[in-house]
Amino acid sequence: MGRDRIRDYAVEPFVGQIIQVGFNFVPTGFAACDGSLLPINQNQALFALLGTTYGGDGMATFAVPDLKAADEATGLHSLIAIAGIFPSRG
């Protein structure tokens, strides 16, 4: 199966969707769930969903969830989608 054919089956994530993966890098369109601060002006869609629930000053920064303890327990790596489809309420 060629790369173009595989891409036909890929599903674009919802912004804010959290996934666990078995590899140890952060692919494009995702951020590690490590409690780090992100700039609001570069991540407005994700900020609209999370606000300052996980930290940040709400003016320039906000934080992603910190799931490092869960990752250590499972051996997986948690990632949050910073790009993708903005979820709508049914």
Protein backbone atom coordinates (compact mmCIF):
# COMPACT_ATOMS: atom_id res chain seq x y z
CA MET A 1 0.00 0.00 0.00
CA GLY A 2 1.55 3.32 -1.07
CA ARG A 3 1.82 6.43 1.10
CA ASP A 4 -1.00 8.18 -0.76
CA ARG A 5 -3.30 5.22 -0.19
CA ILE A 6 -2.44 5.10 3.51
CA ARG A 7 -3.19 8.82 3.81
CA ASP A 8 -6.71 8.14 2.53
CA TYR A 9 -7.38 6.22 5.74
CA ALA A 10 -5.88 8.75 8.15
CA VAL A 11 -8.34 10.52 10.40
CA GLU A 12 -7.78 14.13 11.37
CA PRO A 13 -7.94 14.48 15.16
CA PHE A 14 -10.19 16.83 17.09
CA VAL A 15 -8.35 19.78 18.62
CA GLY A 16 -7.82 18.83 22.27
CA GLN A 17 -8.03 15.09 21.62
CA ILE A 18 -5.57 13.17 23.77
CA ILE A 19 -3.94 10.03 22.41
CA GLN A 20 -1.39 7.61 23.81
CA VAL A 21 1.37 6.34 21.56
CA GLY A 22 4.22 3.88 21.84
CA PHE A 23 6.86 6.12 20.25
CA ASN A 24 8.82 8.85 22.02
CA PHE A 25 8.55 11.85 19.71
CA VAL A 26 5.88 14.50 19.20
CA PRO A 27 4.53 14.56 15.64
CA THR A 28 3.42 17.72 13.87
CA GLY A 29 0.03 18.95 15.08
CA PHE A 30 0.47 17.57 18.61
CA ALA A 31 2.04 18.64 21.91
CA ALA A 32 3.26 16.44 24.74
CA CYS A 33 0.91 16.22 27.73
CA ASP A 34 3.64 17.33 30.11
CA GLY A 35 2.11 20.40 31.73
CA SER A 36 4.10 22.78 29.56
CA LEU A 37 2.95 26.31 28.79
CA LEU A 38 1.90 27.20 25.25
CA PRO A 39 1.46 30.68 23.79
CA ILE A 40 -2.22 31.56 23.37
CA ASN A 41 -1.61 33.58 20.20
CA GLN A 42 -0.22 30.49 18.44
CA ASN A 43 -2.76 27.99 19.82
CA GLN A 44 -6.06 29.88 19.95
CA ALA A 45 -8.29 26.90 19.12
CA LEU A 46 -6.85 24.74 21.89
CA PHE A 47 -6.98 27.66 24.34
CA ALA A 48 -10.67 28.15 23.49
CA LEU A 49 -11.27 24.59 24.70
CA LEU A 50 -8.90 24.36 27.69
CA GLY A 51 -8.65 27.92 28.95
CA THR A 52 -6.49 27.95 32.08
CA THR A 53 -7.85 24.65 33.43
CA TYR A 54 -4.31 23.24 33.63
CA GLY A 55 -2.44 26.49 34.33
CA GLY A 56 -1.05 29.53 32.59
CA ASP A 57 -1.82 33.20 33.05
CA GLY A 58 -4.71 33.34 30.57
CA MET A 59 -3.24 36.47 28.97
CA ALA A 60 -0.26 35.11 27.06
CA THR A 61 -0.02 31.45 28.08
CA PHE A 62 -2.01 28.38 29.02
CA ALA A 63 -0.93 24.88 30.02
CA VAL A 64 -1.62 21.47 28.57
CA PRO A 65 -2.50 18.60 30.94
CA ASP A 66 0.37 16.95 32.79
CA LEU A 67 0.02 13.20 32.25
CA LYS A 68 3.67 12.26 32.89
CA ALA A 69 2.79 10.08 35.91
CA ALA A 70 0.25 8.11 33.88
CA ASP A 71 2.76 7.77 31.05
CA GLU A 72 5.38 6.38 33.43
CA ALA A 73 2.87 3.84 34.73
CA THR A 74 1.89 2.62 31.25
CA GLY A 75 5.12 3.14 29.31
CA LEU A 76 3.16 5.10 26.70
CA HIS A 77 3.37 8.80 25.77
CA SER A 78 0.33 11.08 25.95
CA LEU A 79 -0.11 13.71 23.26
CA ILE A 80 -2.76 16.39 22.77
CA ALA A 81 -3.85 17.57 19.32
CA ILE A 82 -3.12 21.26 18.82
CA ALA A 83 -4.33 21.19 15.22
CA GLY A 84 -7.23 19.44 13.56
CA ILE A 85 -11.01 19.68 13.56
CA PHE A 86 -12.55 22.00 16.14
CA PRO A 87 -15.14 19.93 18.01
CA SER A 88 -18.73 21.09 17.88
CA ARG A 89 -21.47 20.32 20.34
CA GLY A 90 -23.95 17.96 18.68
